[in-house]
Amino acid sequence: MIMLKSEYEYRLMKKAGEILAKTMNHIALLVQPGETMDKIDDAARLYMQGHQAMPSFLGLYQYPYTICASVNNEVIHGFPVKEKKLLEGDIVSIDMGCCFEGYHADMAYTFPVGKISSSRKKLLETTKTCLKKAIAVAICGARIGDIGHAVQEFAESKGFSVVRDYTGHGIGSSVHEEPQVPNFGEKGRGMALRSGMALAIEPMINHGQPYVKSLPDRWTVVTKDGSDSAHFEHTVFIKESGTEILTDLNQGGSA
């Protein structure tokens, strides 16, 4: 069931998105060679709590951390543990959610760690552009398939592949709501977008093949072929007047 949000719910989600974007900018300063992911996880949790908000992921489906930290060939849901130390040339995808007075926002950003290779730089730039193109077509009257088509068309034109096993989603009083928002699809197909819908749009793009697998921890998802993966995500709110990015990083400096 699709839950259309009221003006009141929109305002709460907007505040959650603002806090989340500022949290991402805050922890971006810690993404440096030699840093361990547990410290970044702690910093994210404390920042949200200091702004009268709570981490959406902590305890969700029994997940034990504030952020997901996925390095290089890890696609999503990587654990932010002390043993995971960032190295020069890595890329790390940080995915997290924020809950403010019962309403959520969700976002992800893939950071370069120090100086990265040209191939990794191209992957990050392509995935970020995929997200921009997806948001540009996510307007009232468009279809869910238009979003996926925009991501798939651009990613594949650059020689990359789209993860198909995981998708974006609706969001609101729950982190995950209907509808699913795939990163592949056909124009003009699927559900029509309506004013009051809130979506987490999140391209997950692989340097190699699209196939993924879960590790024995039952959370971390990696590429089957060991290739790099990148992940960018924003929470957007659909309005008649236009689509608004609730997790705009410019709300607190750019990551």
Protein backbone atom coordinates (compact mmCIF):
# COMPACT_ATOMS: atom_id res chain seq x y z
CA MET A 1 0.00 0.00 0.00
CA ILE A 2 1.36 3.42 -0.98
CA MET A 3 1.28 5.94 1.87
CA LEU A 4 0.86 9.52 0.64
CA LYS A 5 2.28 11.97 3.14
CA SER A 6 0.55 15.00 4.63
CA GLU A 7 2.15 18.43 4.95
CA TYR A 8 2.88 17.65 8.61
CA GLU A 9 4.61 14.38 7.71
CA TYR A 10 6.56 16.16 4.98
CA ARG A 11 7.89 18.67 7.50
CA LEU A 12 9.08 15.91 9.85
CA MET A 13 10.77 14.06 6.99
CA LYS A 14 12.39 17.28 5.82
CA LYS A 15 13.85 17.78 9.29
CA ALA A 16 15.08 14.17 9.36
CA GLY A 17 16.70 14.71 5.96
CA GLU A 18 18.37 17.91 7.10
CA ILE A 19 19.88 16.23 10.16
CA LEU A 20 20.97 13.25 8.08
CA ALA A 21 22.69 15.39 5.45
CA LYS A 22 24.52 17.32 8.15
CA THR A 23 25.54 14.02 9.75
CA MET A 24 26.98 12.84 6.44
CA ASN A 25 28.96 16.06 6.07
CA HIS A 26 30.16 15.72 9.66
CA ILE A 27 31.52 12.20 9.24
CA ALA A 28 32.95 12.97 5.79
CA LEU A 29 35.82 14.71 7.60
CA LEU A 30 36.74 11.37 9.20
CA VAL A 31 37.04 9.46 5.93
CA GLN A 32 40.82 9.38 5.82
CA PRO A 33 43.51 6.72 5.37
CA GLY A 34 44.12 4.93 8.66
CA GLU A 35 40.71 5.67 10.18
CA THR A 36 38.62 2.76 11.44
CA MET A 37 34.94 2.46 10.64
CA ASP A 38 33.83 1.99 14.25
CA LYS A 39 34.90 5.56 15.03
CA ILE A 40 32.90 6.87 12.07
CA ASP A 41 29.89 4.84 13.21
CA ASP A 42 30.15 6.32 16.71
CA ALA A 43 30.48 9.83 15.31
CA ALA A 44 27.34 9.44 13.20
CA ARG A 45 25.29 8.11 16.12
CA LEU A 46 26.41 10.84 18.51
CA TYR A 47 25.76 13.59 15.96
CA MET A 48 22.19 12.44 15.35
CA GLN A 49 21.49 12.03 19.04
CA GLY A 50 22.90 15.50 19.67
CA HIS A 51 20.32 16.89 17.25
CA GLN A 52 17.29 15.23 18.88
CA ALA A 53 17.18 12.41 16.31
CA MET A 54 17.89 8.70 16.29
CA PRO A 55 19.69 6.41 13.82
CA SER A 56 17.11 4.60 11.69
CA PHE A 57 19.27 1.55 11.06
CA LEU A 58 20.33 0.81 14.65
CA GLY A 59 18.22 -2.18 15.67
CA LEU A 60 16.33 -2.31 12.35
CA TYR A 61 15.92 -6.02 11.54
CA GLN A 62 18.40 -6.47 14.43
CA TYR A 63 21.16 -4.56 12.59
CA PRO A 64 23.69 -3.59 15.30
CA TYR A 65 25.18 -0.36 13.92
CA THR A 66 24.25 3.20 12.95
CA ILE A 67 25.80 3.13 9.47
CA CYS A 68 26.51 0.59 6.79
CA ALA A 69 30.12 0.88 5.61
CA SER A 70 30.90 -0.99 2.40
CA VAL A 71 34.47 -0.89 1.09
CA ASN A 72 35.58 -1.53 -2.52
CA ASN A 73 33.81 -4.73 -3.67
CA GLU A 74 31.26 -4.55 -0.82
CA VAL A 75 27.99 -3.34 -2.32
CA ILE A 76 25.80 -2.66 0.73
CA HIS A 77 25.30 -3.53 4.42
CA GLY A 78 28.99 -3.72 5.31
CA PHE A 79 29.72 -3.64 9.06
CA PRO A 80 31.51 -0.53 10.44
CA VAL A 81 33.90 -2.44 12.67
CA LYS A 82 37.26 -1.58 14.20
CA GLU A 83 38.98 -4.18 12.06
CA LYS A 84 37.89 -2.35 8.93
CA LYS A 85 40.63 0.27 8.56
CA LEU A 86 40.52 2.57 5.55
CA LEU A 87 43.50 2.49 3.22
CA GLU A 88 44.77 5.01 0.70
CA GLY A 89 42.98 4.40 -2.60
CA ASP A 90 39.91 2.67 -1.14
CA ILE A 91 36.36 3.70 -1.82
CA VAL A 92 33.81 3.41 0.98
CA SER A 93 30.03 3.61 0.66
CA ILE A 94 28.35 4.96 3.79
CA ASP A 95 24.61 4.34 3.99
CA MET A 96 22.54 5.55 6.94
CA GLY A 97 19.11 6.69 8.01
CA CYS A 98 17.82 9.25 10.49
CA CYS A 99 14.55 9.23 12.44
CA PHE A 100 13.06 12.51 13.69
CA GLU A 101 9.84 12.31 15.70
CA GLY A 102 8.89 9.01 14.08
CA TYR A 103 9.72 9.84 10.45
CA HIS A 104 12.75 8.73 8.46
CA ALA A 105 15.17 9.86 5.80
CA ASP A 106 17.75 7.62 4.12
CA MET A 107 20.88 8.41 2.14
CA ALA A 108 24.18 6.98 0.92
CA TYR A 109 27.42 8.44 -0.41
CA THR A 110 30.53 6.72 -1.74
CA PHE A 111 33.71 8.48 -0.64
CA PRO A 112 37.22 8.27 -2.08
CA VAL A 113 39.84 7.55 0.57
CA GLY A 114 42.76 9.76 -0.30
CA LYS A 115 43.81 9.55 -3.95
CA ILE A 116 41.95 6.87 -5.91
CA SER A 117 42.52 5.27 -9.29
CA SER A 118 41.00 6.71 -12.44
CA SER A 119 38.73 3.66 -12.80
CA ARG A 120 37.34 4.13 -9.30
CA LYS A 121 36.91 7.85 -9.91
CA LYS A 122 34.91 7.09 -13.06
CA LEU A 123 32.72 4.61 -11.16
CA LEU A 124 31.92 7.18 -8.47
CA GLU A 125 31.22 9.95 -10.97
CA THR A 126 28.99 7.66 -13.03
CA THR A 127 26.98 6.46 -10.03
CA LYS A 128 26.51 9.99 -8.74
CA THR A 129 25.28 11.06 -12.18
CA CYS A 130 22.92 8.08 -12.27
CA LEU A 131 21.30 9.39 -9.09
CA LYS A 132 20.97 12.90 -10.53
CA LYS A 133 19.36 11.57 -13.70
CA ALA A 134 16.98 9.39 -11.71
CA ILE A 135 15.85 12.28 -9.54
CA ALA A 136 15.38 14.50 -12.59
CA VAL A 137 12.71 12.14 -13.99
CA ALA A 138 11.06 11.40 -10.62
CA ILE A 139 8.23 13.91 -11.02
CA CYS A 140 4.44 13.84 -10.73
CA GLY A 141 2.93 11.80 -13.53
CA ALA A 142 6.15 9.92 -14.33
CA ARG A 143 6.40 6.17 -13.82
CA ILE A 144 8.60 4.06 -11.57
CA GLY A 145 10.10 2.54 -14.71
CA ASP A 146 11.31 5.97 -15.81
CA ILE A 147 13.58 6.13 -12.74
CA GLY A 148 15.13 2.71 -13.33
CA HIS A 149 15.52 3.37 -17.03
CA ALA A 150 17.44 6.60 -16.37
CA VAL A 151 19.87 4.79 -14.07
CA GLN A 152 20.34 1.74 -16.28
CA GLU A 153 20.75 3.65 -19.53
CA PHE A 154 23.47 5.93 -18.19
CA ALA A 155 25.36 3.29 -16.19
CA GLU A 156 25.49 0.84 -19.07
CA SER A 157 26.49 3.58 -21.53
CA LYS A 158 29.63 4.03 -19.40
CA GLY A 159 30.41 0.31 -19.34
CA PHE A 160 29.13 -0.43 -15.84
CA SER A 161 26.36 -2.73 -14.60
CA VAL A 162 23.34 -2.22 -12.36
CA VAL A 163 22.71 -4.33 -9.25
CA ARG A 164 19.29 -5.93 -9.67
CA ASP A 165 18.91 -7.85 -6.41
CA TYR A 166 18.41 -4.71 -4.30
CA THR A 167 16.31 -1.62 -4.97
CA GLY A 168 15.29 1.76 -3.69
CA HIS A 169 12.02 2.08 -1.83
CA GLY A 170 9.29 4.23 -0.39
CA ILE A 171 9.97 5.78 3.00
CA GLY A 172 8.10 7.60 5.77
CA SER A 173 7.03 6.40 9.21
CA SER A 174 8.87 3.18 8.28
CA VAL A 175 12.32 3.03 6.75
CA HIS A 176 11.12 0.66 4.03
CA GLU A 177 7.71 1.21 2.47
CA GLU A 178 6.12 0.53 -0.90
CA PRO A 179 6.86 0.99 -3.73
CA GLN A 180 10.10 -0.70 -4.68
CA VAL A 181 12.24 1.52 -6.90
CA PRO A 182 14.48 -0.64 -9.13
CA ASN A 183 17.57 0.79 -10.81
CA PHE A 184 16.58 -0.78 -14.13
CA GLY A 185 13.39 -0.68 -16.15
CA GLU A 186 11.45 0.61 -19.12
CA LYS A 187 10.13 4.09 -19.69
CA GLY A 188 6.42 4.47 -19.12
CA ARG A 189 6.07 1.27 -17.11
CA GLY A 190 5.11 0.75 -13.50
CA MET A 191 3.28 2.83 -10.94
CA ALA A 192 2.60 6.51 -11.59
CA LEU A 193 4.28 8.96 -9.21
CA ARG A 194 1.90 11.13 -7.20
CA SER A 195 2.19 14.20 -5.02
CA GLY A 196 2.85 13.15 -1.43
CA MET A 197 5.04 10.18 -2.28
CA ALA A 198 8.45 9.93 -0.61
CA LEU A 199 11.11 7.76 -2.23
CA ALA A 200 14.63 6.64 -1.39
CA ILE A 201 16.32 6.45 -4.79
CA GLU A 202 19.63 4.59 -4.61
CA PRO A 203 21.66 3.45 -7.62
CA MET A 204 24.08 0.62 -6.82
CA ILE A 205 26.51 0.31 -9.72
CA ASN A 206 29.21 -2.32 -10.26
CA HIS A 207 32.42 -1.98 -12.24
CA GLY A 208 32.05 -5.57 -13.44
CA GLN A 209 29.07 -7.88 -13.62
CA PRO A 210 25.78 -7.11 -11.83
CA TYR A 211 25.76 -10.29 -9.76
CA VAL A 212 26.11 -10.15 -5.98
CA LYS A 213 26.22 -12.51 -3.00
CA SER A 214 25.90 -12.29 0.77
CA LEU A 215 28.81 -13.10 3.08
CA PRO A 216 28.50 -15.52 6.03
CA ASP A 217 27.66 -12.61 8.38
CA ARG A 218 24.29 -12.60 6.52
CA TRP A 219 24.47 -8.83 6.06
CA THR A 220 27.40 -7.81 3.90
CA VAL A 221 26.65 -7.99 0.17
CA VAL A 222 29.62 -8.16 -2.23
CA THR A 223 30.08 -8.41 -5.98
CA LYS A 224 30.43 -12.00 -7.12
CA ASP A 225 33.32 -11.18 -9.44
CA GLY A 226 35.19 -9.09 -6.85
CA SER A 227 34.82 -5.86 -8.82
CA ASP A 228 34.28 -2.48 -7.19
CA SER A 229 30.82 -1.14 -6.41
CA ALA A 230 29.47 2.35 -5.66
CA HIS A 231 26.25 3.51 -4.00
CA PHE A 232 24.62 6.94 -3.87
CA GLU A 233 21.18 7.65 -2.41
CA HIS A 234 18.84 10.52 -1.64
CA THR A 235 15.40 10.70 -0.09
CA VAL A 236 13.10 12.76 -2.31
CA PHE A 237 9.58 14.10 -1.86
CA ILE A 238 7.25 14.29 -4.85
CA LYS A 239 5.15 17.46 -5.13
CA GLU A 240 2.98 19.00 -7.82
CA SER A 241 5.37 21.95 -7.81
CA GLY A 242 8.43 19.74 -8.26
CA THR A 243 10.50 17.08 -6.55
CA GLU A 244 12.51 18.07 -3.48
CA ILE A 245 15.69 16.37 -2.28
CA LEU A 246 15.27 16.08 1.49
CA THR A 247 18.86 14.90 2.05
CA ASP A 248 20.58 17.70 0.13
CA LEU A 249 24.21 17.79 1.25
CA ASN A 250 24.36 21.57 0.69
CA GLN A 251 22.33 21.96 3.88
CA GLY A 252 25.58 21.73 5.82
CA GLY A 253 28.50 22.00 3.46
CA SER A 254 29.26 19.60 0.63
CA ALA A 255 30.66 16.12 1.16
